[in-house]
Amino acid sequence: MKILLLSHYFYPQIGGIEINSELLAIAFHNHGHEVRLLTWSADPGNKHFDYTIIRQPDVKTLLKQHMWADVVFENNPCLRLAWPAYFLRKPSVVALCTWVSRSDGTSAWQDKLKLRWLKRADKVIAVSNAIKEVCFPPAVVIGNPYGVDIFKTLPAVQRNLDFVFLGRLVSDKGADLAIEAIHQLKEESIKFTLTIVGDGDEMLPLKKMVEDYQLQDLVTFTGALRGDVLVRKLNEHKYMLVPSRWKEPFGNVALEGMACGCLPIVADGGGLPDAVGEAGIVFERGSVDSLVNAIKNLRANVELEKSLRAKADLHLLNHHPEMIAKKYLEVLSNAVKH
């Protein structure tokens, strides 16, 4: 097939949708399909790709590329790139990667337009059951892939630290809940280490919180880490905490931690339960008490931890880019046939 993949932003941007666009494009190419990717990201960066990338296309280029395609695939709705598909009546598949609403849950005219746009697609894919149920019930659910070439276990690295938090240091991500949990456990004479990986506006308030609780010997801040340094740091830990207050659309970070050997403990909001499947622990979103109880239960139940870790390999296999790409390609192929 000739697949025209639309990604509003792309490399060198490194958000979740951008990374998934790259993983899917590579997998489609590896399966023998012709791939061209359209994006508004202007900077080409210094990375080589085996497929064509067209940046900031004008109207003539948009029309030409849509005419070339057998199927148009939007990795999240991007109407400014996709509108020619409507007039050329090209088979269209849209992946819904996040909520179709404002940050406060209300719907603006842009969201209503996106929902109307989804209705004219041949098929809509939702990255989690939560996205499907809330945004577009007719969608088929296909979870996200993760970077198998990057995130992996490193047997030579000693796994002698307890919990790691990875994410932007903003209130929605809940790093303060992780610190509060470590404090409550210490008050019960249960000491665990916590490493906070990331940067953001909440860095200074979080550091002050650690000082106020006198947790400097237990909680460490690394700042933002990427690539091999990040993977090595994750491999030093036994567990990953994902205490997001925000309902994450999916939660790739949980897969990345699991791939590095961390057992994920995640909030029950949005797509995080899908991200960990049966290979992680879920607690009540926003509740420190629920998080503390989950940690204490895991600490007291060796067999539970063994059982969860035994399921990690199969769960990760189901999110391997090649496996996810096969599911996507089946949907794309059916769109072309129909």
C-alpha atoms as a PDB file:
ATOM      1  CA  MET A   1       0.000   0.000   0.000  1.00  0.00           C
ATOM      2  CA  LYS A   2       0.941   3.626  -0.455  1.00  0.00           C
ATOM      3  CA  ILE A   3       0.398   5.036   3.037  1.00  0.00           C
ATOM      4  CA  LEU A   4       0.282   8.775   3.580  1.00  0.00           C
ATOM      5  CA  LEU A   5       0.916   9.258   7.306  1.00  0.00           C
ATOM      6  CA  LEU A   6      -0.080  12.619   8.768  1.00  0.00           C
ATOM      7  CA  SER A   7       1.508  13.773  12.029  1.00  0.00           C
ATOM      8  CA  HIS A   8       0.920  17.383  13.092  1.00  0.00           C
ATOM      9  CA  TYR A   9       4.366  17.453  14.723  1.00  0.00           C
ATOM     10  CA  PHE A  10       7.241  15.020  14.164  1.00  0.00           C
ATOM     11  CA  TYR A  11      10.946  14.536  14.857  1.00  0.00           C
ATOM     12  CA  PRO A  12      12.857  16.324  16.296  1.00  0.00           C
ATOM     13  CA  GLN A  13       9.855  17.006  18.584  1.00  0.00           C
ATOM     14  CA  ILE A  14       9.705  14.203  21.149  1.00  0.00           C
ATOM     15  CA  GLY A  15       6.131  14.097  22.454  1.00  0.00           C
ATOM     16  CA  GLY A  16       4.198  10.845  22.711  1.00  0.00           C
ATOM     17  CA  ILE A  17       2.292  11.267  19.433  1.00  0.00           C
ATOM     18  CA  GLU A  18       5.462  12.264  17.564  1.00  0.00           C
ATOM     19  CA  ILE A  19       7.351   9.214  18.828  1.00  0.00           C
ATOM     20  CA  ASN A  20       4.452   6.885  17.990  1.00  0.00           C
ATOM     21  CA  SER A  21       4.251   8.355  14.478  1.00  0.00           C
ATOM     22  CA  GLU A  22       7.910   7.496  14.009  1.00  0.00           C
ATOM     23  CA  LEU A  23       7.534   3.964  15.392  1.00  0.00           C
ATOM     24  CA  LEU A  24       4.512   3.240  13.178  1.00  0.00           C
ATOM     25  CA  ALA A  25       6.122   4.717  10.056  1.00  0.00           C
ATOM     26  CA  ILE A  26       9.219   2.551  10.541  1.00  0.00           C
ATOM     27  CA  ALA A  27       7.084  -0.543  11.123  1.00  0.00           C
ATOM     28  CA  PHE A  28       4.892   0.142   8.059  1.00  0.00           C
ATOM     29  CA  HIS A  29       8.060   0.535   5.992  1.00  0.00           C
ATOM     30  CA  ASN A  30       9.529  -2.694   7.402  1.00  0.00           C
ATOM     31  CA  HIS A  31       6.352  -4.510   6.378  1.00  0.00           C
ATOM     32  CA  GLY A  32       7.045  -3.532   2.772  1.00  0.00           C
ATOM     33  CA  HIS A  33       4.671  -0.597   2.326  1.00  0.00           C
ATOM     34  CA  GLU A  34       5.507   2.768   0.784  1.00  0.00           C
ATOM     35  CA  VAL A  35       5.332   5.487   3.422  1.00  0.00           C
ATOM     36  CA  ARG A  36       5.295   9.241   3.055  1.00  0.00           C
ATOM     37  CA  LEU A  37       4.898  11.399   6.148  1.00  0.00           C
ATOM     38  CA  LEU A  38       3.487  14.935   6.172  1.00  0.00           C
ATOM     39  CA  THR A  39       4.136  17.230   9.129  1.00  0.00           C
ATOM     40  CA  TRP A  40       4.185  20.906  10.101  1.00  0.00           C
ATOM     41  CA  SER A  41       7.504  20.436  11.956  1.00  0.00           C
ATOM     42  CA  ALA A  42      10.048  22.450   9.980  1.00  0.00           C
ATOM     43  CA  ASP A  43      13.348  21.367  11.557  1.00  0.00           C
ATOM     44  CA  PRO A  44      14.703  18.240   9.812  1.00  0.00           C
ATOM     45  CA  GLY A  45      17.140  17.491  12.619  1.00  0.00           C
ATOM     46  CA  ASN A  46      20.105  15.224  11.895  1.00  0.00           C
ATOM     47  CA  LYS A  47      18.427  11.815  11.785  1.00  0.00           C
ATOM     48  CA  HIS A  48      18.146   9.613   8.673  1.00  0.00           C
ATOM     49  CA  PHE A  49      14.804   8.025   7.777  1.00  0.00           C
ATOM     50  CA  ASP A  50      14.145   5.264   5.235  1.00  0.00           C
ATOM     51  CA  TYR A  51      10.891   6.859   4.109  1.00  0.00           C
ATOM     52  CA  THR A  52       9.978  10.258   2.701  1.00  0.00           C
ATOM     53  CA  ILE A  53       9.223  13.130   5.085  1.00  0.00           C
ATOM     54  CA  ILE A  54       7.580  16.265   3.699  1.00  0.00           C
ATOM     55  CA  ARG A  55       7.632  19.243   6.050  1.00  0.00           C
ATOM     56  CA  GLN A  56       5.349  22.278   5.988  1.00  0.00           C
ATOM     57  CA  PRO A  57       3.633  21.361   2.693  1.00  0.00           C
ATOM     58  CA  ASP A  58       1.845  24.009   0.624  1.00  0.00           C
ATOM     59  CA  VAL A  59      -1.586  23.393  -0.928  1.00  0.00           C
ATOM     60  CA  LYS A  60      -0.150  22.049  -4.185  1.00  0.00           C
ATOM     61  CA  THR A  61       2.052  19.563  -2.305  1.00  0.00           C
ATOM     62  CA  LEU A  62      -0.835  18.467  -0.101  1.00  0.00           C
ATOM     63  CA  LEU A  63      -2.999  17.694  -3.114  1.00  0.00           C
ATOM     64  CA  LYS A  64      -0.175  15.884  -4.915  1.00  0.00           C
ATOM     65  CA  GLN A  65       0.624  13.651  -1.925  1.00  0.00           C
ATOM     66  CA  HIS A  66      -3.023  12.804  -1.298  1.00  0.00           C
ATOM     67  CA  MET A  67      -3.473  11.876  -4.950  1.00  0.00           C
ATOM     68  CA  TRP A  68      -0.462   9.546  -4.631  1.00  0.00           C
ATOM     69  CA  ALA A  69      -1.821   7.707  -1.583  1.00  0.00           C
ATOM     70  CA  ASP A  70      -3.865   4.508  -1.439  1.00  0.00           C
ATOM     71  CA  VAL A  71      -4.903   5.401   2.112  1.00  0.00           C
ATOM     72  CA  VAL A  72      -4.535   8.467   4.350  1.00  0.00           C
ATOM     73  CA  PHE A  73      -3.678   7.769   7.981  1.00  0.00           C
ATOM     74  CA  GLU A  74      -3.892  10.569  10.548  1.00  0.00           C
ATOM     75  CA  ASN A  75      -2.029   9.822  13.756  1.00  0.00           C
ATOM     76  CA  ASN A  76      -4.423  12.008  15.746  1.00  0.00           C
ATOM     77  CA  PRO A  77      -6.783  14.342  13.893  1.00  0.00           C
ATOM     78  CA  CYS A  78      -4.908  16.975  11.864  1.00  0.00           C
ATOM     79  CA  LEU A  79      -7.441  18.596   9.562  1.00  0.00           C
ATOM     80  CA  ARG A  80      -5.034  21.156   8.079  1.00  0.00           C
ATOM     81  CA  LEU A  81      -3.050  18.282   6.578  1.00  0.00           C
ATOM     82  CA  ALA A  82      -5.955  15.916   5.891  1.00  0.00           C
ATOM     83  CA  TRP A  83      -8.629  18.026   4.169  1.00  0.00           C
ATOM     84  CA  PRO A  84      -7.734  16.930   0.590  1.00  0.00           C
ATOM     85  CA  ALA A  85      -8.730  13.348   1.489  1.00  0.00           C
ATOM     86  CA  TYR A  86     -12.333  14.507   1.763  1.00  0.00           C
ATOM     87  CA  PHE A  87     -12.438  16.079  -1.705  1.00  0.00           C
ATOM     88  CA  LEU A  88     -10.424  13.290  -3.357  1.00  0.00           C
ATOM     89  CA  ARG A  89     -12.510  10.648  -1.565  1.00  0.00           C
ATOM     90  CA  LYS A  90      -9.431   8.792  -0.378  1.00  0.00           C
ATOM     91  CA  PRO A  91      -9.760   5.933   2.129  1.00  0.00           C
ATOM     92  CA  SER A  92      -9.157   7.483   5.542  1.00  0.00           C
ATOM     93  CA  VAL A  93      -8.167   6.096   8.960  1.00  0.00           C
ATOM     94  CA  VAL A  94      -7.716   8.300  12.030  1.00  0.00           C
ATOM     95  CA  ALA A  95      -5.972   7.291  15.253  1.00  0.00           C
ATOM     96  CA  LEU A  96      -7.386   9.067  18.288  1.00  0.00           C
ATOM     97  CA  CYS A  97      -4.391   9.522  20.599  1.00  0.00           C
ATOM     98  CA  THR A  98      -5.773  11.950  23.162  1.00  0.00           C
ATOM     99  CA  TRP A  99      -9.000  13.497  24.468  1.00  0.00           C
ATOM    100  CA  VAL A 100     -11.184  15.505  22.098  1.00  0.00           C
ATOM    101  CA  SER A 101     -11.809  18.319  24.576  1.00  0.00           C
ATOM    102  CA  ARG A 102     -10.170  21.238  26.361  1.00  0.00           C
ATOM    103  CA  SER A 103      -7.947  20.593  29.394  1.00  0.00           C
ATOM    104  CA  ASP A 104     -10.909  21.282  31.711  1.00  0.00           C
ATOM    105  CA  GLY A 105     -13.092  18.722  29.914  1.00  0.00           C
ATOM    106  CA  THR A 106     -15.266  21.218  28.039  1.00  0.00           C
ATOM    107  CA  SER A 107     -15.769  21.128  24.272  1.00  0.00           C
ATOM    108  CA  ALA A 108     -14.819  24.072  22.072  1.00  0.00           C
ATOM    109  CA  TRP A 109     -15.741  24.490  18.414  1.00  0.00           C
ATOM    110  CA  GLN A 110     -12.426  22.873  17.424  1.00  0.00           C
ATOM    111  CA  ASP A 111     -13.370  19.720  19.342  1.00  0.00           C
ATOM    112  CA  LYS A 112     -16.818  19.561  17.773  1.00  0.00           C
ATOM    113  CA  LEU A 113     -15.232  19.923  14.344  1.00  0.00           C
ATOM    114  CA  LYS A 114     -12.814  17.079  15.089  1.00  0.00           C
ATOM    115  CA  LEU A 115     -15.688  14.799  16.139  1.00  0.00           C
ATOM    116  CA  ARG A 116     -17.508  15.561  12.894  1.00  0.00           C
ATOM    117  CA  TRP A 117     -14.276  14.823  11.022  1.00  0.00           C
ATOM    118  CA  LEU A 118     -13.984  11.437  12.759  1.00  0.00           C
ATOM    119  CA  LYS A 119     -17.467  10.473  11.589  1.00  0.00           C
ATOM    120  CA  ARG A 120     -16.462  10.731   7.928  1.00  0.00           C
ATOM    121  CA  ALA A 121     -13.395   8.468   8.353  1.00  0.00           C
ATOM    122  CA  ASP A 122     -13.565   4.869   7.155  1.00  0.00           C
ATOM    123  CA  LYS A 123     -12.280   3.744  10.544  1.00  0.00           C
ATOM    124  CA  VAL A 124     -11.200   5.334  13.818  1.00  0.00           C
ATOM    125  CA  ILE A 125      -8.613   3.764  16.124  1.00  0.00           C
ATOM    126  CA  ALA A 126      -8.527   4.675  19.837  1.00  0.00           C
ATOM    127  CA  VAL A 127      -5.310   4.112  21.799  1.00  0.00           C
ATOM    128  CA  SER A 128      -7.182   3.013  24.941  1.00  0.00           C
ATOM    129  CA  ASN A 129     -10.596   1.870  26.090  1.00  0.00           C
ATOM    130  CA  ALA A 130     -10.990   5.152  27.995  1.00  0.00           C
ATOM    131  CA  ILE A 131     -10.493   7.204  24.809  1.00  0.00           C
ATOM    132  CA  LYS A 132     -12.947   4.974  22.948  1.00  0.00           C
ATOM    133  CA  GLU A 133     -15.663   5.165  25.605  1.00  0.00           C
ATOM    134  CA  VAL A 134     -15.407   8.914  26.222  1.00  0.00           C
ATOM    135  CA  CYS A 135     -14.612  10.267  22.764  1.00  0.00           C
ATOM    136  CA  PHE A 136     -15.739   7.896  20.005  1.00  0.00           C
ATOM    137  CA  PRO A 137     -17.495   4.627  20.958  1.00  0.00           C
ATOM    138  CA  PRO A 138     -17.431   3.165  17.377  1.00  0.00           C
ATOM    139  CA  ALA A 139     -13.602   3.169  17.441  1.00  0.00           C
ATOM    140  CA  VAL A 140     -11.490   0.017  17.518  1.00  0.00           C
ATOM    141  CA  VAL A 141      -8.923  -0.065  20.346  1.00  0.00           C
ATOM    142  CA  ILE A 142      -5.255  -0.584  19.510  1.00  0.00           C
ATOM    143  CA  GLY A 143      -2.757   0.313  22.231  1.00  0.00           C
ATOM    144  CA  ASN A 144       0.451   2.256  21.689  1.00  0.00           C
ATOM    145  CA  PRO A 145       3.824   0.769  20.760  1.00  0.00           C
ATOM    146  CA  TYR A 146       7.023   1.502  22.669  1.00  0.00           C
ATOM    147  CA  GLY A 147      10.628   1.931  21.556  1.00  0.00           C
ATOM    148  CA  VAL A 148      11.980  -1.605  21.761  1.00  0.00           C
ATOM    149  CA  ASP A 149      15.377  -0.523  20.423  1.00  0.00           C
ATOM    150  CA  ILE A 150      15.772   1.965  23.259  1.00  0.00           C
ATOM    151  CA  PHE A 151      13.972   0.649  26.342  1.00  0.00           C
ATOM    152  CA  LYS A 152      15.302  -2.716  27.512  1.00  0.00           C
ATOM    153  CA  THR A 153      16.763  -4.453  30.552  1.00  0.00           C
ATOM    154  CA  LEU A 154      20.500  -4.140  31.156  1.00  0.00           C
ATOM    155  CA  PRO A 155      21.642  -7.238  33.112  1.00  0.00           C
ATOM    156  CA  ALA A 156      24.957  -5.609  34.026  1.00  0.00           C
ATOM    157  CA  VAL A 157      23.228  -2.778  35.919  1.00  0.00           C
ATOM    158  CA  GLN A 158      22.549  -3.347  39.627  1.00  0.00           C
ATOM    159  CA  ARG A 159      18.864  -2.879  40.468  1.00  0.00           C
ATOM    160  CA  ASN A 160      19.335  -1.640  44.026  1.00  0.00           C
ATOM    161  CA  LEU A 161      16.945   1.345  44.163  1.00  0.00           C
ATOM    162  CA  ASP A 162      13.210   1.239  44.866  1.00  0.00           C
ATOM    163  CA  PHE A 163      10.858   3.675  43.111  1.00  0.00           C
ATOM    164  CA  VAL A 164      11.335   5.902  40.088  1.00  0.00           C
ATOM    165  CA  PHE A 165       9.041   8.657  38.805  1.00  0.00           C
ATOM    166  CA  LEU A 166       9.523   9.718  35.171  1.00  0.00           C
ATOM    167  CA  GLY A 167       7.701  12.684  33.698  1.00  0.00           C
ATOM    168  CA  ARG A 168       7.262  16.428  33.498  1.00  0.00           C
ATOM    169  CA  LEU A 169       7.270  18.080  36.902  1.00  0.00           C
ATOM    170  CA  VAL A 170       3.838  19.659  36.704  1.00  0.00           C
ATOM    171  CA  SER A 171       0.904  19.206  39.061  1.00  0.00           C
ATOM    172  CA  ASP A 172      -1.032  16.952  36.648  1.00  0.00           C
ATOM    173  CA  LYS A 173       1.687  14.300  36.766  1.00  0.00           C
ATOM    174  CA  GLY A 174       1.480  13.856  40.541  1.00  0.00           C
ATOM    175  CA  ALA A 175       5.135  13.721  41.594  1.00  0.00           C
ATOM    176  CA  ASP A 176       4.047  15.322  44.892  1.00  0.00           C
ATOM    177  CA  LEU A 177       1.812  12.290  45.533  1.00  0.00           C
ATOM    178  CA  ALA A 178       4.839  10.033  45.160  1.00  0.00           C
ATOM    179  CA  ILE A 179       6.797  12.140  47.680  1.00  0.00           C
ATOM    180  CA  GLU A 180       3.828  12.167  50.075  1.00  0.00           C
ATOM    181  CA  ALA A 181       3.630   8.366  49.850  1.00  0.00           C
ATOM    182  CA  ILE A 182       7.350   8.011  50.692  1.00  0.00           C
ATOM    183  CA  HIS A 183       6.791  10.335  53.673  1.00  0.00           C
ATOM    184  CA  GLN A 184       3.803   8.377  54.985  1.00  0.00           C
ATOM    185  CA  LEU A 185       5.689   5.106  54.651  1.00  0.00           C
ATOM    186  CA  LYS A 186       8.672   6.570  56.515  1.00  0.00           C
ATOM    187  CA  GLU A 187       6.306   7.642  59.319  1.00  0.00           C
ATOM    188  CA  GLU A 188       5.455   3.930  59.628  1.00  0.00           C
ATOM    189  CA  SER A 189       9.174   3.065  59.706  1.00  0.00           C
ATOM    190  CA  ILE A 190       9.051   1.741  56.133  1.00  0.00           C
ATOM    191  CA  LYS A 191      11.847   3.337  54.154  1.00  0.00           C
ATOM    192  CA  PHE A 192      11.907   3.347  50.350  1.00  0.00           C
ATOM    193  CA  THR A 193      14.025   5.378  47.960  1.00  0.00           C
ATOM    194  CA  LEU A 194      12.422   7.533  45.265  1.00  0.00           C
ATOM    195  CA  THR A 195      14.191   8.966  42.219  1.00  0.00           C
ATOM    196  CA  ILE A 196      12.400  11.768  40.379  1.00  0.00           C
ATOM    197  CA  VAL A 197      13.453  12.002  36.722  1.00  0.00           C
ATOM    198  CA  GLY A 198      12.223  15.052  34.854  1.00  0.00           C
ATOM    199  CA  ASP A 199      12.052  18.811  34.905  1.00  0.00           C
ATOM    200  CA  GLY A 200       9.322  21.439  35.041  1.00  0.00           C
ATOM    201  CA  ASP A 201       7.692  24.287  36.907  1.00  0.00           C
ATOM    202  CA  GLU A 202       7.139  22.196  40.049  1.00  0.00           C
ATOM    203  CA  MET A 203      10.828  21.365  40.576  1.00  0.00           C
ATOM    204  CA  LEU A 204      11.464  23.927  43.357  1.00  0.00           C
ATOM    205  CA  PRO A 205       8.172  23.279  45.248  1.00  0.00           C
ATOM    206  CA  LEU A 206       8.873  19.541  45.114  1.00  0.00           C
ATOM    207  CA  LYS A 207      12.404  19.997  46.445  1.00  0.00           C
ATOM    208  CA  LYS A 208      11.045  22.160  49.273  1.00  0.00           C
ATOM    209  CA  MET A 209       8.492  19.434  50.049  1.00  0.00           C
ATOM    210  CA  VAL A 210      11.342  16.920  50.356  1.00  0.00           C
ATOM    211  CA  GLU A 211      13.236  19.262  52.677  1.00  0.00           C
ATOM    212  CA  ASP A 212      10.157  19.934  54.839  1.00  0.00           C
ATOM    213  CA  TYR A 213       9.595  16.194  55.236  1.00  0.00           C
ATOM    214  CA  GLN A 214      13.359  15.623  55.779  1.00  0.00           C
ATOM    215  CA  LEU A 215      13.483  13.039  53.009  1.00  0.00           C
ATOM    216  CA  GLN A 216      16.789  14.170  51.463  1.00  0.00           C
ATOM    217  CA  ASP A 217      18.332  10.753  52.181  1.00  0.00           C
ATOM    218  CA  LEU A 218      15.474   8.969  50.390  1.00  0.00           C
ATOM    219  CA  VAL A 219      14.390  11.228  47.505  1.00  0.00           C
ATOM    220  CA  THR A 220      16.729  12.210  44.643  1.00  0.00           C
ATOM    221  CA  PHE A 221      16.168  14.573  41.699  1.00  0.00           C
ATOM    222  CA  THR A 222      18.084  13.879  38.473  1.00  0.00           C
ATOM    223  CA  GLY A 223      16.571  16.481  36.148  1.00  0.00           C
ATOM    224  CA  ALA A 224      15.577  15.477  32.616  1.00  0.00           C
ATOM    225  CA  LEU A 225      17.317  12.377  31.212  1.00  0.00           C
ATOM    226  CA  ARG A 226      17.158  10.871  27.723  1.00  0.00           C
ATOM    227  CA  GLY A 227      18.532   8.000  25.680  1.00  0.00           C
ATOM    228  CA  ASP A 228      21.022   5.550  27.175  1.00  0.00           C
ATOM    229  CA  VAL A 229      21.388   7.587  30.385  1.00  0.00           C
ATOM    230  CA  LEU A 230      17.635   7.355  31.020  1.00  0.00           C
ATOM    231  CA  VAL A 231      17.510   3.635  30.256  1.00  0.00           C
ATOM    232  CA  ARG A 232      20.385   2.936  32.638  1.00  0.00           C
ATOM    233  CA  LYS A 233      18.692   4.988  35.376  1.00  0.00           C
ATOM    234  CA  LEU A 234      15.408   3.083  34.964  1.00  0.00           C
ATOM    235  CA  ASN A 235      17.311  -0.207  35.152  1.00  0.00           C
ATOM    236  CA  GLU A 236      18.605   0.774  38.590  1.00  0.00           C
ATOM    237  CA  HIS A 237      15.042   0.673  40.011  1.00  0.00           C
ATOM    238  CA  LYS A 238      12.602  -2.078  40.983  1.00  0.00           C
ATOM    239  CA  TYR A 239       9.340  -0.148  40.588  1.00  0.00           C
ATOM    240  CA  MET A 240       7.929   2.781  38.640  1.00  0.00           C
ATOM    241  CA  LEU A 241       5.295   5.152  40.045  1.00  0.00           C
ATOM    242  CA  VAL A 242       2.864   6.811  37.614  1.00  0.00           C
ATOM    243  CA  PRO A 243       0.561   8.786  39.963  1.00  0.00           C
ATOM    244  CA  SER A 244      -0.976  11.112  37.352  1.00  0.00           C
ATOM    245  CA  ARG A 245      -3.885  13.255  38.470  1.00  0.00           C
ATOM    246  CA  TRP A 246      -4.665  13.825  34.801  1.00  0.00           C
ATOM    247  CA  LYS A 247      -6.427  11.007  33.013  1.00  0.00           C
ATOM    248  CA  GLU A 248      -3.627   9.934  30.697  1.00  0.00           C
ATOM    249  CA  PRO A 249      -4.901   8.936  27.227  1.00  0.00           C
ATOM    250  CA  PHE A 250      -2.629   5.877  27.376  1.00  0.00           C
ATOM    251  CA  GLY A 251       0.645   6.102  29.302  1.00  0.00           C
ATOM    252  CA  ASN A 252       3.690   5.046  27.260  1.00  0.00           C
ATOM    253  CA  VAL A 253       5.916   5.770  30.252  1.00  0.00           C
ATOM    254  CA  ALA A 254       4.532   2.675  32.000  1.00  0.00           C
ATOM    255  CA  LEU A 255       5.537   0.481  29.044  1.00  0.00           C
ATOM    256  CA  GLU A 256       8.981   2.071  28.943  1.00  0.00           C
ATOM    257  CA  GLY A 257       9.506   1.427  32.636  1.00  0.00           C
ATOM    258  CA  MET A 258       8.262  -2.139  32.330  1.00  0.00           C
ATOM    259  CA  ALA A 259      10.615  -2.768  29.398  1.00  0.00           C
ATOM    260  CA  CYS A 260      13.486  -1.636  31.642  1.00  0.00           C
ATOM    261  CA  GLY A 261      12.491  -4.112  34.354  1.00  0.00           C
ATOM    262  CA  CYS A 262      10.392  -1.836  36.587  1.00  0.00           C
ATOM    263  CA  LEU A 263       7.072  -3.065  37.948  1.00  0.00           C
ATOM    264  CA  PRO A 264       4.614  -0.187  37.275  1.00  0.00           C
ATOM    265  CA  ILE A 265       2.224   1.160  39.911  1.00  0.00           C
ATOM    266  CA  VAL A 266      -0.214   3.494  38.150  1.00  0.00           C
ATOM    267  CA  ALA A 267      -3.283   5.637  38.809  1.00  0.00           C
ATOM    268  CA  ASP A 268      -6.595   4.233  37.607  1.00  0.00           C
ATOM    269  CA  GLY A 269      -7.461   7.230  35.391  1.00  0.00           C
ATOM    270  CA  GLY A 270      -7.745   7.213  31.611  1.00  0.00           C
ATOM    271  CA  GLY A 271      -5.651   4.715  29.671  1.00  0.00           C
ATOM    272  CA  LEU A 272      -3.067   3.855  32.344  1.00  0.00           C
ATOM    273  CA  PRO A 273      -4.819   0.568  33.271  1.00  0.00           C
ATOM    274  CA  ASP A 274      -4.599  -0.417  29.572  1.00  0.00           C
ATOM    275  CA  ALA A 275      -0.924   0.521  29.507  1.00  0.00           C
ATOM    276  CA  VAL A 276      -0.021  -1.923  32.310  1.00  0.00           C
ATOM    277  CA  GLY A 277      -2.634  -4.609  31.641  1.00  0.00           C
ATOM    278  CA  GLU A 278      -2.232  -7.516  34.065  1.00  0.00           C
ATOM    279  CA  ALA A 279       1.467  -6.763  34.591  1.00  0.00           C
ATOM    280  CA  GLY A 280       1.102  -3.806  36.949  1.00  0.00           C
ATOM    281  CA  ILE A 281      -0.744  -2.454  39.977  1.00  0.00           C
ATOM    282  CA  VAL A 282      -3.523   0.137  39.777  1.00  0.00           C
ATOM    283  CA  PHE A 283      -4.519   2.496  42.606  1.00  0.00           C
ATOM    284  CA  GLU A 284      -7.183   5.182  43.011  1.00  0.00           C
ATOM    285  CA  ARG A 285      -6.245   8.332  41.114  1.00  0.00           C
ATOM    286  CA  GLY A 286      -5.317  11.246  43.376  1.00  0.00           C
ATOM    287  CA  SER A 287      -5.400   9.191  46.587  1.00  0.00           C
ATOM    288  CA  VAL A 288      -2.148   8.993  48.556  1.00  0.00           C
ATOM    289  CA  ASP A 289      -3.730   6.491  50.948  1.00  0.00           C
ATOM    290  CA  SER A 290      -4.601   4.186  48.040  1.00  0.00           C
ATOM    291  CA  LEU A 291      -1.054   4.482  46.685  1.00  0.00           C
ATOM    292  CA  VAL A 292       0.471   3.741  50.100  1.00  0.00           C
ATOM    293  CA  ASN A 293      -1.792   0.716  50.551  1.00  0.00           C
ATOM    294  CA  ALA A 294      -0.827  -0.572  47.108  1.00  0.00           C
ATOM    295  CA  ILE A 295       2.863  -0.300  47.968  1.00  0.00           C
ATOM    296  CA  LYS A 296       2.385  -1.976  51.367  1.00  0.00           C
ATOM    297  CA  ASN A 297       0.355  -4.773  49.786  1.00  0.00           C
ATOM    298  CA  LEU A 298       3.072  -5.382  47.217  1.00  0.00           C
ATOM    299  CA  ARG A 299       5.747  -5.344  49.941  1.00  0.00           C
ATOM    300  CA  ALA A 300       3.863  -7.952  51.956  1.00  0.00           C
ATOM    301  CA  ASN A 301       3.041 -10.224  49.028  1.00  0.00           C
ATOM    302  CA  VAL A 302       6.097 -11.710  47.339  1.00  0.00           C
ATOM    303  CA  GLU A 303       3.965 -14.037  45.208  1.00  0.00           C
ATOM    304  CA  LEU A 304       1.965 -11.099  43.857  1.00  0.00           C
ATOM    305  CA  GLU A 305       5.123  -9.400  42.644  1.00  0.00           C
ATOM    306  CA  LYS A 306       6.358 -12.624  41.042  1.00  0.00           C
ATOM    307  CA  SER A 307       3.019 -13.092  39.298  1.00  0.00           C
ATOM    308  CA  LEU A 308       2.974  -9.545  37.933  1.00  0.00           C
ATOM    309  CA  ARG A 309       6.558  -9.696  36.709  1.00  0.00           C
ATOM    310  CA  ALA A 310       5.890 -13.037  35.007  1.00  0.00           C
ATOM    311  CA  LYS A 311       3.243 -11.357  32.842  1.00  0.00           C
ATOM    312  CA  ALA A 312       5.444  -8.470  31.707  1.00  0.00           C
ATOM    313  CA  ASP A 313       7.078 -10.154  28.699  1.00  0.00           C
ATOM    314  CA  LEU A 314       3.791 -11.116  27.053  1.00  0.00           C
ATOM    315  CA  HIS A 315       2.304  -7.685  27.736  1.00  0.00           C
ATOM    316  CA  LEU A 316       5.335  -5.988  26.188  1.00  0.00           C
ATOM    317  CA  LEU A 317       5.210  -8.322  23.192  1.00  0.00           C
ATOM    318  CA  ASN A 318       1.641  -7.184  22.522  1.00  0.00           C
ATOM    319  CA  HIS A 319       2.947  -3.595  22.388  1.00  0.00           C
ATOM    320  CA  HIS A 320       5.965  -4.327  20.209  1.00  0.00           C
ATOM    321  CA  PRO A 321       5.894  -1.904  17.236  1.00  0.00           C
ATOM    322  CA  GLU A 322       5.717  -4.797  14.761  1.00  0.00           C
ATOM    323  CA  MET A 323       2.706  -6.304  16.549  1.00  0.00           C
ATOM    324  CA  ILE A 324       0.922  -2.951  16.809  1.00  0.00           C
ATOM    325  CA  ALA A 325       1.742  -2.174  13.173  1.00  0.00           C
ATOM    326  CA  LYS A 326       0.102  -5.430  12.031  1.00  0.00           C
ATOM    327  CA  LYS A 327      -3.123  -4.404  13.748  1.00  0.00           C
ATOM    328  CA  TYR A 328      -2.955  -0.938  12.203  1.00  0.00           C
ATOM    329  CA  LEU A 329      -2.188  -2.373   8.758  1.00  0.00           C
ATOM    330  CA  GLU A 330      -5.208  -4.657   8.954  1.00  0.00           C
ATOM    331  CA  VAL A 331      -7.418  -1.621   9.579  1.00  0.00           C
ATOM    332  CA  LEU A 332      -5.725   0.359   6.787  1.00  0.00           C
ATOM    333  CA  SER A 333      -6.015  -2.529   4.331  1.00  0.00           C
ATOM    334  CA  ASN A 334      -9.714  -2.971   5.068  1.00  0.00           C
ATOM    335  CA  ALA A 335     -10.257   0.749   4.509  1.00  0.00           C
ATOM    336  CA  VAL A 336      -8.671   0.452   1.054  1.00  0.00           C
ATOM    337  CA  LYS A 337     -10.722  -2.648   0.160  1.00  0.00           C
ATOM    338  CA  HIS A 338     -13.997  -1.080   1.222  1.00  0.00           C
END
